[in-house]
Amino acid sequence: MNPYPKKIVAFILLAIFPLVGRAQCAMCRAVLESGDNNAVAEGINNGIVYLMAIPYILVGVIFYIVYRKMKTPKIT
């Protein structure tokens, strides 16, 4: 059985998750929804999602680099 399709599906789901998820604390949501300007609330929400996604992407890239370094055969 080829493990690559499972890895591809897992990667796509993990890559799309930050785009689908909405992260906003209860205080921020209450303050922003009480106002009339929904564009500001959407901008704040997108900013929070952006700030949440970047560290996960960076850690994923670092783990991938370490994995590739450990997997390559050493020439002696």
Protein backbone atom coordinates (compact mmCIF):
# COMPACT_ATOMS: atom_id res chain seq x y z
CA MET A 1 0.00 0.00 0.00
CA ASN A 2 1.40 3.39 -0.97
CA PRO A 3 1.46 5.83 2.02
CA TYR A 4 1.79 8.96 -0.13
CA PRO A 5 -1.95 9.59 -0.75
CA LYS A 6 -2.59 9.64 3.00
CA LYS A 7 0.26 12.09 3.53
CA ILE A 8 -0.99 14.34 0.73
CA VAL A 9 -4.54 14.38 2.13
CA ALA A 10 -3.23 15.10 5.64
CA PHE A 11 -1.06 17.95 4.34
CA ILE A 12 -3.95 19.51 2.40
CA LEU A 13 -6.25 19.33 5.43
CA LEU A 14 -3.62 20.88 7.69
CA ALA A 15 -2.87 23.59 5.13
CA ILE A 16 -6.55 24.52 4.71
CA PHE A 17 -7.40 24.42 8.44
CA PRO A 18 -6.14 27.95 9.27
CA LEU A 19 -8.19 29.34 6.37
CA VAL A 20 -11.38 27.71 7.60
CA GLY A 21 -10.94 28.22 11.33
CA ARG A 22 -11.88 31.45 13.04
CA ALA A 23 -10.00 32.46 16.15
CA GLN A 24 -11.31 35.29 18.23
CA CYS A 25 -11.48 35.74 21.95
CA ALA A 26 -14.86 36.37 23.54
CA MET A 27 -13.95 39.92 24.56
CA CYS A 28 -12.82 40.93 21.07
CA ARG A 29 -15.88 39.38 19.48
CA ALA A 30 -18.28 41.14 21.86
CA VAL A 31 -16.68 44.54 21.31
CA LEU A 32 -16.49 44.21 17.54
CA GLU A 33 -19.98 42.78 17.06
CA SER A 34 -21.54 45.56 19.11
CA GLY A 35 -20.41 48.12 16.52
CA ASP A 36 -21.93 48.77 13.10
CA ASN A 37 -18.74 48.35 11.10
CA ASN A 38 -18.51 44.66 10.13
CA ALA A 39 -15.47 45.26 7.91
CA VAL A 40 -13.37 46.13 10.96
CA ALA A 41 -14.54 42.97 12.75
CA GLU A 42 -13.65 40.85 9.71
CA GLY A 43 -10.24 42.51 9.47
CA ILE A 44 -9.48 41.85 13.14
CA ASN A 45 -10.63 38.25 12.76
CA ASN A 46 -8.42 37.71 9.70
CA GLY A 47 -5.47 39.24 11.52
CA ILE A 48 -5.91 36.88 14.45
CA VAL A 49 -6.07 33.86 12.11
CA TYR A 50 -2.95 35.10 10.30
CA LEU A 51 -1.05 35.48 13.57
CA MET A 52 -2.17 32.02 14.66
CA ALA A 53 -1.15 30.26 11.41
CA ILE A 54 2.39 31.61 10.95
CA PRO A 55 4.02 29.87 13.96
CA TYR A 56 2.49 26.52 12.98
CA ILE A 57 3.77 26.87 9.42
CA LEU A 58 7.26 27.78 10.62
CA VAL A 59 7.42 24.84 13.04
CA GLY A 60 6.17 22.52 10.30
CA VAL A 61 8.89 23.71 7.92
CA ILE A 62 11.57 23.24 10.58
CA PHE A 63 10.37 19.70 11.34
CA TYR A 64 10.30 18.89 7.62
CA ILE A 65 13.89 20.12 7.17
CA VAL A 66 15.06 18.07 10.16
CA TYR A 67 13.19 15.03 8.83
CA ARG A 68 14.81 15.37 5.40
CA LYS A 69 18.27 15.78 6.96
CA MET A 70 17.83 12.67 9.08
CA LYS A 71 16.40 10.62 6.21
CA THR A 72 19.16 11.28 3.67
CA PRO A 73 21.88 8.63 3.78
CA LYS A 74 25.26 9.73 5.03
CA ILE A 75 28.19 9.12 2.73
CA THR A 76 31.18 7.79 4.64
